[in-house]
Amino acid sequence: GDLHIDAHHTIEDTALVLGSAIKKALGDKKGIARFGFVLPM
């Protein structure tokens, strides 16, 4: 990315591509249980 300017484009565009990749990998989302669990840390 154009980090010589700032980090904005790198972070924004990475998020956009990552979201598209996860969505594509999920396909028809078969097998996903949409509700829900609790994670205590």
All heavy atoms as atom14 arrays in JSON, in Angstrom:
{
  "sequence": "GDLHIDAHHTIEDTALVLGSAIKKALGDKKGIARFGFVLPM",
  "atom14_mask": [
    [1, 1, 1, 1, 0, 0, 0, 0, 0, 0, 0, 0, 0, 0],
    [1, 1, 1, 1, 1, 1, 1, 1, 0, 0, 0, 0, 0, 0],
    [1, 1, 1, 1, 1, 1, 1, 1, 0, 0, 0, 0, 0, 0],
    [1, 1, 1, 1, 1, 1, 1, 1, 1, 1, 0, 0, 0, 0],
    [1, 1, 1, 1, 1, 1, 1, 1, 0, 0, 0, 0, 0, 0],
    [1, 1, 1, 1, 1, 1, 1, 1, 0, 0, 0, 0, 0, 0],
    [1, 1, 1, 1, 1, 0, 0, 0, 0, 0, 0, 0, 0, 0],
    [1, 1, 1, 1, 1, 1, 1, 1, 1, 1, 0, 0, 0, 0],
    [1, 1, 1, 1, 1, 1, 1, 1, 1, 1, 0, 0, 0, 0],
    [1, 1, 1, 1, 1, 1, 1, 0, 0, 0, 0, 0, 0, 0],
    [1, 1, 1, 1, 1, 1, 1, 1, 0, 0, 0, 0, 0, 0],
    [1, 1, 1, 1, 1, 1, 1, 1, 1, 0, 0, 0, 0, 0],
    [1, 1, 1, 1, 1, 1, 1, 1, 0, 0, 0, 0, 0, 0],
    [1, 1, 1, 1, 1, 1, 1, 0, 0, 0, 0, 0, 0, 0],
    [1, 1, 1, 1, 1, 0, 0, 0, 0, 0, 0, 0, 0, 0],
    [1, 1, 1, 1, 1, 1, 1, 1, 0, 0, 0, 0, 0, 0],
    [1, 1, 1, 1, 1, 1, 1, 0, 0, 0, 0, 0, 0, 0],
    [1, 1, 1, 1, 1, 1, 1, 1, 0, 0, 0, 0, 0, 0],
    [1, 1, 1, 1, 0, 0, 0, 0, 0, 0, 0, 0, 0, 0],
    [1, 1, 1, 1, 1, 1, 0, 0, 0, 0, 0, 0, 0, 0],
    [1, 1, 1, 1, 1, 0, 0, 0, 0, 0, 0, 0, 0, 0],
    [1, 1, 1, 1, 1, 1, 1, 1, 0, 0, 0, 0, 0, 0],
    [1, 1, 1, 1, 1, 1, 1, 1, 1, 0, 0, 0, 0, 0],
    [1, 1, 1, 1, 1, 1, 1, 1, 1, 0, 0, 0, 0, 0],
    [1, 1, 1, 1, 1, 0, 0, 0, 0, 0, 0, 0, 0, 0],
    [1, 1, 1, 1, 1, 1, 1, 1, 0, 0, 0, 0, 0, 0],
    [1, 1, 1, 1, 0, 0, 0, 0, 0, 0, 0, 0, 0, 0],
    [1, 1, 1, 1, 1, 1, 1, 1, 0, 0, 0, 0, 0, 0],
    [1, 1, 1, 1, 1, 1, 1, 1, 1, 0, 0, 0, 0, 0],
    [1, 1, 1, 1, 1, 1, 1, 1, 1, 0, 0, 0, 0, 0],
    [1, 1, 1, 1, 0, 0, 0, 0, 0, 0, 0, 0, 0, 0],
    [1, 1, 1, 1, 1, 1, 1, 1, 0, 0, 0, 0, 0, 0],
    [1, 1, 1, 1, 1, 0, 0, 0, 0, 0, 0, 0, 0, 0],
    [1, 1, 1, 1, 1, 1, 1, 1, 1, 1, 1, 0, 0, 0],
    [1, 1, 1, 1, 1, 1, 1, 1, 1, 1, 1, 0, 0, 0],
    [1, 1, 1, 1, 0, 0, 0, 0, 0, 0, 0, 0, 0, 0],
    [1, 1, 1, 1, 1, 1, 1, 1, 1, 1, 1, 0, 0, 0],
    [1, 1, 1, 1, 1, 1, 1, 0, 0, 0, 0, 0, 0, 0],
    [1, 1, 1, 1, 1, 1, 1, 1, 0, 0, 0, 0, 0, 0],
    [1, 1, 1, 1, 1, 1, 1, 0, 0, 0, 0, 0, 0, 0],
    [1, 1, 1, 1, 1, 1, 1, 1, 0, 0, 0, 0, 0, 0]
  ],
  "atom14_positions": [
    [[0.81, -1.21, 0.0], [0.0, 0.0, 0.0], [0.85, 1.26, 0.0], [2.07, 1.22, 0.16], [0.0, 0.0, 0.0], [0.0, 0.0, 0.0], [0.0, 0.0, 0.0], [0.0, 0.0, 0.0], [0.0, 0.0, 0.0], [0.0, 0.0, 0.0], [0.0, 0.0, 0.0], [0.0, 0.0, 0.0], [0.0, 0.0, 0.0], [0.0, 0.0, 0.0]],
    [[0.17, 2.39, -0.15], [0.85, 3.68, -0.21], [1.13, 4.2, 1.2], [0.65, 5.27, 1.6], [0.04, 4.69, -1.03], [-1.38, 4.87, -0.51], [-1.78, 4.11, 0.41], [-2.08, 5.77, -1.01], [0.0, 0.0, 0.0], [0.0, 0.0, 0.0], [0.0, 0.0, 0.0], [0.0, 0.0, 0.0], [0.0, 0.0, 0.0], [0.0, 0.0, 0.0]],
    [[1.93, 3.46, 1.95], [2.23, 3.82, 3.34], [3.07, 5.08, 3.43], [3.17, 5.68, 4.52], [2.93, 2.66, 4.04], [2.09, 1.38, 4.2], [2.9, 0.3, 4.9], [0.81, 1.66, 4.97], [0.0, 0.0, 0.0], [0.0, 0.0, 0.0], [0.0, 0.0, 0.0], [0.0, 0.0, 0.0], [0.0, 0.0, 0.0], [0.0, 0.0, 0.0]],
    [[3.69, 5.49, 2.34], [4.43, 6.76, 2.37], [3.5, 7.95, 2.51], [3.92, 9.05, 2.88], [5.26, 6.91, 1.09], [4.44, 6.94, -0.17], [3.83, 5.81, -0.69], [4.12, 7.97, -1.0], [3.19, 6.14, -1.8], [3.34, 7.45, -1.99], [0.0, 0.0, 0.0], [0.0, 0.0, 0.0], [0.0, 0.0, 0.0], [0.0, 0.0, 0.0]],
    [[2.19, 7.71, 2.25], [1.18, 8.76, 2.46], [0.56, 8.58, 3.84], [0.68, 9.41, 4.72], [0.11, 8.73, 1.36], [0.77, 9.01, -0.01], [-0.99, 9.74, 1.64], [-0.17, 8.92, -1.17], [0.0, 0.0, 0.0], [0.0, 0.0, 0.0], [0.0, 0.0, 0.0], [0.0, 0.0, 0.0], [0.0, 0.0, 0.0], [0.0, 0.0, 0.0]],
    [[-0.13, 7.46, 4.03], [-0.64, 7.09, 5.35], [-1.13, 5.65, 5.28], [-0.99, 4.98, 4.26], [-1.75, 8.03, 5.85], [-2.99, 8.02, 4.95], [-3.18, 7.06, 4.18], [-3.78, 8.98, 5.02], [0.0, 0.0, 0.0], [0.0, 0.0, 0.0], [0.0, 0.0, 0.0], [0.0, 0.0, 0.0], [0.0, 0.0, 0.0], [0.0, 0.0, 0.0]],
    [[-1.71, 5.16, 6.37], [-2.14, 3.75, 6.46], [-3.59, 3.54, 6.06], [-4.05, 2.4, 6.01], [-1.92, 3.24, 7.89], [0.0, 0.0, 0.0], [0.0, 0.0, 0.0], [0.0, 0.0, 0.0], [0.0, 0.0, 0.0], [0.0, 0.0, 0.0], [0.0, 0.0, 0.0], [0.0, 0.0, 0.0], [0.0, 0.0, 0.0], [0.0, 0.0, 0.0]],
    [[-4.29, 4.62, 5.76], [-5.75, 4.51, 5.55], [-6.11, 3.54, 4.43], [-6.93, 2.64, 4.63], [-6.33, 5.9, 5.26], [-7.82, 5.9, 5.08], [-8.68, 6.26, 6.09], [-8.6, 5.58, 4.03], [-9.93, 6.16, 5.66], [-9.91, 5.75, 4.41], [0.0, 0.0, 0.0], [0.0, 0.0, 0.0], [0.0, 0.0, 0.0], [0.0, 0.0, 0.0]],
    [[-5.54, 3.74, 3.25], [-5.92, 2.89, 2.11], [-5.55, 1.43, 2.36], [-6.3, 0.52, 1.99], [-5.22, 3.39, 0.83], [-5.74, 4.71, 0.36], [-4.9, 5.75, 0.0], [-7.01, 5.16, 0.2], [-5.64, 6.78, -0.37], [-6.92, 6.46, -0.26], [0.0, 0.0, 0.0], [0.0, 0.0, 0.0], [0.0, 0.0, 0.0], [0.0, 0.0, 0.0]],
    [[-4.4, 1.21, 2.97], [-3.96, -0.17, 3.23], [-4.95, -0.89, 4.14], [-5.36, -2.03, 3.86], [-2.56, -0.17, 3.87], [-1.63, 0.35, 2.92], [-2.14, -1.58, 4.28], [0.0, 0.0, 0.0], [0.0, 0.0, 0.0], [0.0, 0.0, 0.0], [0.0, 0.0, 0.0], [0.0, 0.0, 0.0], [0.0, 0.0, 0.0], [0.0, 0.0, 0.0]],
    [[-5.36, -0.23, 5.22], [-6.26, -0.87, 6.19], [-7.65, -1.03, 5.61], [-8.27, -2.1, 5.71], [-6.29, -0.06, 7.49], [-4.91, -0.16, 8.18], [-7.4, -0.53, 8.42], [-4.74, 0.77, 9.37], [0.0, 0.0, 0.0], [0.0, 0.0, 0.0], [0.0, 0.0, 0.0], [0.0, 0.0, 0.0], [0.0, 0.0, 0.0], [0.0, 0.0, 0.0]],
    [[-8.16, 0.0, 4.95], [-9.5, -0.07, 4.37], [-9.58, -1.13, 3.29], [-10.48, -1.99, 3.3], [-9.9, 1.28, 3.8], [-11.26, 1.26, 3.1], [-11.59, 2.58, 2.41], [-10.65, 3.23, 1.9], [-12.77, 2.94, 2.38], [0.0, 0.0, 0.0], [0.0, 0.0, 0.0], [0.0, 0.0, 0.0], [0.0, 0.0, 0.0], [0.0, 0.0, 0.0]],
    [[-8.65, -1.11, 2.35], [-8.72, -2.05, 1.22], [-8.47, -3.49, 1.67], [-9.06, -4.42, 1.11], [-7.72, -1.64, 0.14], [-8.12, -0.36, -0.58], [-9.16, 0.22, -0.2], [-7.4, 0.06, -1.49], [0.0, 0.0, 0.0], [0.0, 0.0, 0.0], [0.0, 0.0, 0.0], [0.0, 0.0, 0.0], [0.0, 0.0, 0.0], [0.0, 0.0, 0.0]],
    [[-7.61, -3.67, 2.66], [-7.41, -5.03, 3.2], [-8.71, -5.56, 3.78], [-9.08, -6.72, 3.57], [-6.32, -5.02, 4.28], [-5.08, -4.6, 3.71], [-6.15, -6.41, 4.88], [0.0, 0.0, 0.0], [0.0, 0.0, 0.0], [0.0, 0.0, 0.0], [0.0, 0.0, 0.0], [0.0, 0.0, 0.0], [0.0, 0.0, 0.0], [0.0, 0.0, 0.0]],
    [[-9.44, -4.73, 4.5], [-10.72, -5.15, 5.07], [-11.72, -5.51, 3.98], [-12.45, -6.51, 4.08], [-11.28, -4.05, 5.96], [0.0, 0.0, 0.0], [0.0, 0.0, 0.0], [0.0, 0.0, 0.0], [0.0, 0.0, 0.0], [0.0, 0.0, 0.0], [0.0, 0.0, 0.0], [0.0, 0.0, 0.0], [0.0, 0.0, 0.0], [0.0, 0.0, 0.0]],
    [[-11.76, -4.71, 2.92], [-12.7, -4.97, 1.83], [-12.39, -6.3, 1.15], [-13.3, -7.1, 0.86], [-12.65, -3.84, 0.81], [-13.18, -2.47, 1.27], [-12.87, -1.4, 0.22], [-14.68, -2.53, 1.55], [0.0, 0.0, 0.0], [0.0, 0.0, 0.0], [0.0, 0.0, 0.0], [0.0, 0.0, 0.0], [0.0, 0.0, 0.0], [0.0, 0.0, 0.0]],
    [[-11.11, -6.56, 0.89], [-10.73, -7.8, 0.21], [-10.92, -8.99, 1.14], [-11.4, -10.05, 0.73], [-9.27, -7.72, -0.28], [-8.83, -9.06, -0.9], [-9.12, -6.61, -1.31], [0.0, 0.0, 0.0], [0.0, 0.0, 0.0], [0.0, 0.0, 0.0], [0.0, 0.0, 0.0], [0.0, 0.0, 0.0], [0.0, 0.0, 0.0], [0.0, 0.0, 0.0]],
    [[-10.58, -8.84, 2.42], [-10.77, -9.93, 3.37], [-12.25, -10.3, 3.51], [-12.6, -11.49, 3.51], [-10.21, -9.54, 4.74], [-10.36, -10.58, 5.85], [-9.68, -11.89, 5.49], [-9.81, -10.03, 7.17], [0.0, 0.0, 0.0], [0.0, 0.0, 0.0], [0.0, 0.0, 0.0], [0.0, 0.0, 0.0], [0.0, 0.0, 0.0], [0.0, 0.0, 0.0]],
    [[-13.11, -9.3, 3.58], [-14.54, -9.59, 3.65], [-15.04, -10.32, 2.42], [-15.81, -11.28, 2.51], [0.0, 0.0, 0.0], [0.0, 0.0, 0.0], [0.0, 0.0, 0.0], [0.0, 0.0, 0.0], [0.0, 0.0, 0.0], [0.0, 0.0, 0.0], [0.0, 0.0, 0.0], [0.0, 0.0, 0.0], [0.0, 0.0, 0.0], [0.0, 0.0, 0.0]],
    [[-14.56, -9.9, 1.24], [-14.96, -10.58, -0.01], [-14.47, -12.02, -0.04], [-15.18, -12.92, -0.49], [-14.39, -9.82, -1.22], [-14.93, -8.51, -1.3], [0.0, 0.0, 0.0], [0.0, 0.0, 0.0], [0.0, 0.0, 0.0], [0.0, 0.0, 0.0], [0.0, 0.0, 0.0], [0.0, 0.0, 0.0], [0.0, 0.0, 0.0], [0.0, 0.0, 0.0]],
    [[-13.23, -12.25, 0.45], [-12.66, -13.6, 0.43], [-13.41, -14.53, 1.38], [-13.7, -15.68, 1.04], [-11.18, -13.54, 0.79], [0.0, 0.0, 0.0], [0.0, 0.0, 0.0], [0.0, 0.0, 0.0], [0.0, 0.0, 0.0], [0.0, 0.0, 0.0], [0.0, 0.0, 0.0], [0.0, 0.0, 0.0], [0.0, 0.0, 0.0], [0.0, 0.0, 0.0]],
    [[-13.72, -14.04, 2.58], [-14.46, -14.88, 3.53], [-15.85, -15.19, 2.99], [-16.33, -16.33, 3.07], [-14.54, -14.2, 4.9], [-13.15, -14.08, 5.52], [-15.46, -14.99, 5.84], [-13.12, -13.29, 6.82], [0.0, 0.0, 0.0], [0.0, 0.0, 0.0], [0.0, 0.0, 0.0], [0.0, 0.0, 0.0], [0.0, 0.0, 0.0], [0.0, 0.0, 0.0]],
    [[-16.5, -14.19, 2.42], [-17.83, -14.41, 1.85], [-17.79, -15.44, 0.73], [-18.64, -16.35, 0.65], [-18.4, -13.1, 1.33], [-19.8, -13.23, 0.73], [-20.31, -11.89, 0.24], [-21.72, -12.03, -0.36], [-22.22, -10.72, -0.84], [0.0, 0.0, 0.0], [0.0, 0.0, 0.0], [0.0, 0.0, 0.0], [0.0, 0.0, 0.0], [0.0, 0.0, 0.0]],
    [[-16.79, -15.34, -0.13], [-16.66, -16.29, -1.25], [-16.37, -17.69, -0.73], [-16.92, -18.68, -1.22], [-15.56, -15.83, -2.19], [-15.44, -16.65, -3.47], [-14.39, -16.05, -4.4], [-14.28, -16.87, -5.68], [-13.24, -16.32, -6.6], [0.0, 0.0, 0.0], [0.0, 0.0, 0.0], [0.0, 0.0, 0.0], [0.0, 0.0, 0.0], [0.0, 0.0, 0.0]],
    [[-15.52, -17.79, 0.3], [-15.19, -19.1, 0.85], [-16.39, -19.74, 1.55], [-16.54, -20.97, 1.54], [-14.03, -18.97, 1.84], [0.0, 0.0, 0.0], [0.0, 0.0, 0.0], [0.0, 0.0, 0.0], [0.0, 0.0, 0.0], [0.0, 0.0, 0.0], [0.0, 0.0, 0.0], [0.0, 0.0, 0.0], [0.0, 0.0, 0.0], [0.0, 0.0, 0.0]],
    [[-17.24, -18.94, 2.13], [-18.42, -19.47, 2.82], [-19.44, -20.06, 1.84], [-20.22, -20.94, 2.21], [-19.1, -18.37, 3.64], [-18.4, -17.98, 4.94], [-19.03, -16.72, 5.52], [-18.47, -19.11, 5.94], [0.0, 0.0, 0.0], [0.0, 0.0, 0.0], [0.0, 0.0, 0.0], [0.0, 0.0, 0.0], [0.0, 0.0, 0.0], [0.0, 0.0, 0.0]],
    [[-19.44, -19.6, 0.61], [-20.35, -20.14, -0.39], [-21.8, -19.94, 0.02], [-22.24, -18.83, 0.32], [0.0, 0.0, 0.0], [0.0, 0.0, 0.0], [0.0, 0.0, 0.0], [0.0, 0.0, 0.0], [0.0, 0.0, 0.0], [0.0, 0.0, 0.0], [0.0, 0.0, 0.0], [0.0, 0.0, 0.0], [0.0, 0.0, 0.0], [0.0, 0.0, 0.0]],
    [[-22.54, -21.05, 0.08], [-23.96, -20.95, 0.46], [-24.16, -20.99, 1.97], [-25.29, -21.05, 2.45], [-24.78, -22.07, -0.21], [-24.29, -23.46, 0.18], [-23.4, -23.56, 1.07], [-24.77, -24.44, -0.41], [0.0, 0.0, 0.0], [0.0, 0.0, 0.0], [0.0, 0.0, 0.0], [0.0, 0.0, 0.0], [0.0, 0.0, 0.0], [0.0, 0.0, 0.0]],
    [[-23.06, -20.94, 2.72], [-23.07, -20.9, 4.19], [-23.71, -22.13, 4.82], [-24.19, -22.11, 5.94], [-23.75, -19.62, 4.7], [-23.03, -18.35, 4.29], [-23.65, -17.11, 4.9], [-24.86, -16.66, 4.12], [-25.33, -15.33, 4.57], [0.0, 0.0, 0.0], [0.0, 0.0, 0.0], [0.0, 0.0, 0.0], [0.0, 0.0, 0.0], [0.0, 0.0, 0.0]],
    [[-23.67, -23.23, 4.07], [-24.26, -24.47, 4.56], [-23.53, -24.95, 5.81], [-22.31, -24.97, 5.87], [-24.17, -25.55, 3.47], [-24.82, -26.87, 3.86], [-24.72, -27.86, 2.7], [-25.37, -29.19, 3.06], [-25.28, -30.16, 1.94], [0.0, 0.0, 0.0], [0.0, 0.0, 0.0], [0.0, 0.0, 0.0], [0.0, 0.0, 0.0], [0.0, 0.0, 0.0]],
    [[-24.28, -25.33, 6.83], [-23.7, -25.88, 8.04], [-23.41, -24.87, 9.13], [-23.01, -25.23, 10.22], [0.0, 0.0, 0.0], [0.0, 0.0, 0.0], [0.0, 0.0, 0.0], [0.0, 0.0, 0.0], [0.0, 0.0, 0.0], [0.0, 0.0, 0.0], [0.0, 0.0, 0.0], [0.0, 0.0, 0.0], [0.0, 0.0, 0.0], [0.0, 0.0, 0.0]],
    [[-23.6, -23.57, 8.84], [-23.33, -22.56, 9.85], [-24.5, -22.46, 10.81], [-25.65, -22.34, 10.4], [-23.08, -21.19, 9.19], [-21.78, -21.22, 8.39], [-23.02, -20.09, 10.25], [-21.48, -19.91, 7.69], [0.0, 0.0, 0.0], [0.0, 0.0, 0.0], [0.0, 0.0, 0.0], [0.0, 0.0, 0.0], [0.0, 0.0, 0.0], [0.0, 0.0, 0.0]],
    [[-24.2, -22.55, 12.11], [-25.21, -22.32, 13.14], [-25.18, -20.83, 13.49], [-24.2, -20.34, 14.05], [-24.93, -23.18, 14.37], [0.0, 0.0, 0.0], [0.0, 0.0, 0.0], [0.0, 0.0, 0.0], [0.0, 0.0, 0.0], [0.0, 0.0, 0.0], [0.0, 0.0, 0.0], [0.0, 0.0, 0.0], [0.0, 0.0, 0.0], [0.0, 0.0, 0.0]],
    [[-26.22, -20.12, 13.16], [-26.18, -18.66, 13.27], [-26.38, -18.16, 14.7], [-26.06, -17.03, 15.01], [-27.24, -18.05, 12.35], [-26.92, -18.24, 10.88], [-28.04, -17.71, 10.01], [-28.24, -16.28, 10.18], [-29.26, -15.62, 9.65], [-30.18, -16.27, 8.96], [-29.39, -14.32, 9.84], [0.0, 0.0, 0.0], [0.0, 0.0, 0.0], [0.0, 0.0, 0.0]],
    [[-26.92, -18.94, 15.58], [-27.18, -18.51, 16.96], [-26.85, -19.68, 17.88], [-27.41, -20.76, 17.67], [-28.65, -18.16, 17.15], [-29.25, -17.31, 16.09], [-29.93, -17.87, 15.02], [-29.11, -15.93, 16.12], [-30.48, -17.08, 14.02], [-29.66, -15.13, 15.13], [-30.35, -15.7, 14.08], [0.0, 0.0, 0.0], [0.0, 0.0, 0.0], [0.0, 0.0, 0.0]],
    [[-25.97, -19.51, 18.9], [-24.98, -18.59, 19.18], [-24.17, -19.22, 20.31], [-24.45, -20.28, 20.82], [0.0, 0.0, 0.0], [0.0, 0.0, 0.0], [0.0, 0.0, 0.0], [0.0, 0.0, 0.0], [0.0, 0.0, 0.0], [0.0, 0.0, 0.0], [0.0, 0.0, 0.0], [0.0, 0.0, 0.0], [0.0, 0.0, 0.0], [0.0, 0.0, 0.0]],
    [[-23.15, -18.59, 20.79], [-22.34, -19.08, 21.9], [-21.8, -17.91, 22.7], [-21.84, -16.77, 22.26], [-21.21, -20.0, 21.42], [-20.13, -19.28, 20.66], [-19.07, -18.69, 21.32], [-20.19, -19.18, 19.28], [-18.08, -18.02, 20.63], [-19.19, -18.51, 18.58], [-18.14, -17.93, 19.26], [0.0, 0.0, 0.0], [0.0, 0.0, 0.0], [0.0, 0.0, 0.0]],
    [[-21.26, -18.21, 23.87], [-20.69, -17.19, 24.74], [-19.25, -17.55, 25.04], [-18.93, -18.7, 25.34], [-21.48, -17.09, 26.06], [-20.82, -16.09, 27.01], [-22.92, -16.68, 25.78], [0.0, 0.0, 0.0], [0.0, 0.0, 0.0], [0.0, 0.0, 0.0], [0.0, 0.0, 0.0], [0.0, 0.0, 0.0], [0.0, 0.0, 0.0], [0.0, 0.0, 0.0]],
    [[-18.37, -16.56, 24.95], [-16.95, -16.79, 25.17], [-16.46, -15.93, 26.33], [-16.29, -14.72, 26.19], [-16.15, -16.45, 23.91], [-14.62, -16.49, 24.04], [-14.15, -17.92, 24.31], [-13.95, -15.94, 22.79], [0.0, 0.0, 0.0], [0.0, 0.0, 0.0], [0.0, 0.0, 0.0], [0.0, 0.0, 0.0], [0.0, 0.0, 0.0], [0.0, 0.0, 0.0]],
    [[-16.24, -16.52, 27.53], [-15.68, -15.74, 28.64], [-14.15, -15.79, 28.58], [-13.56, -16.84, 28.39], [-16.19, -16.48, 29.86], [-16.37, -17.89, 29.41], [-16.64, -17.86, 27.93], [0.0, 0.0, 0.0], [0.0, 0.0, 0.0], [0.0, 0.0, 0.0], [0.0, 0.0, 0.0], [0.0, 0.0, 0.0], [0.0, 0.0, 0.0], [0.0, 0.0, 0.0]],
    [[-13.51, -14.62, 28.73], [-12.05, -14.54, 28.81], [-11.69, -13.75, 30.06], [-12.54, -13.04, 30.63], [-11.48, -13.89, 27.55], [-11.85, -14.63, 26.27], [-11.29, -13.78, 24.77], [-9.52, -13.97, 24.9], [0.0, 0.0, 0.0], [0.0, 0.0, 0.0], [0.0, 0.0, 0.0], [0.0, 0.0, 0.0], [0.0, 0.0, 0.0], [0.0, 0.0, 0.0]]
  ]
}
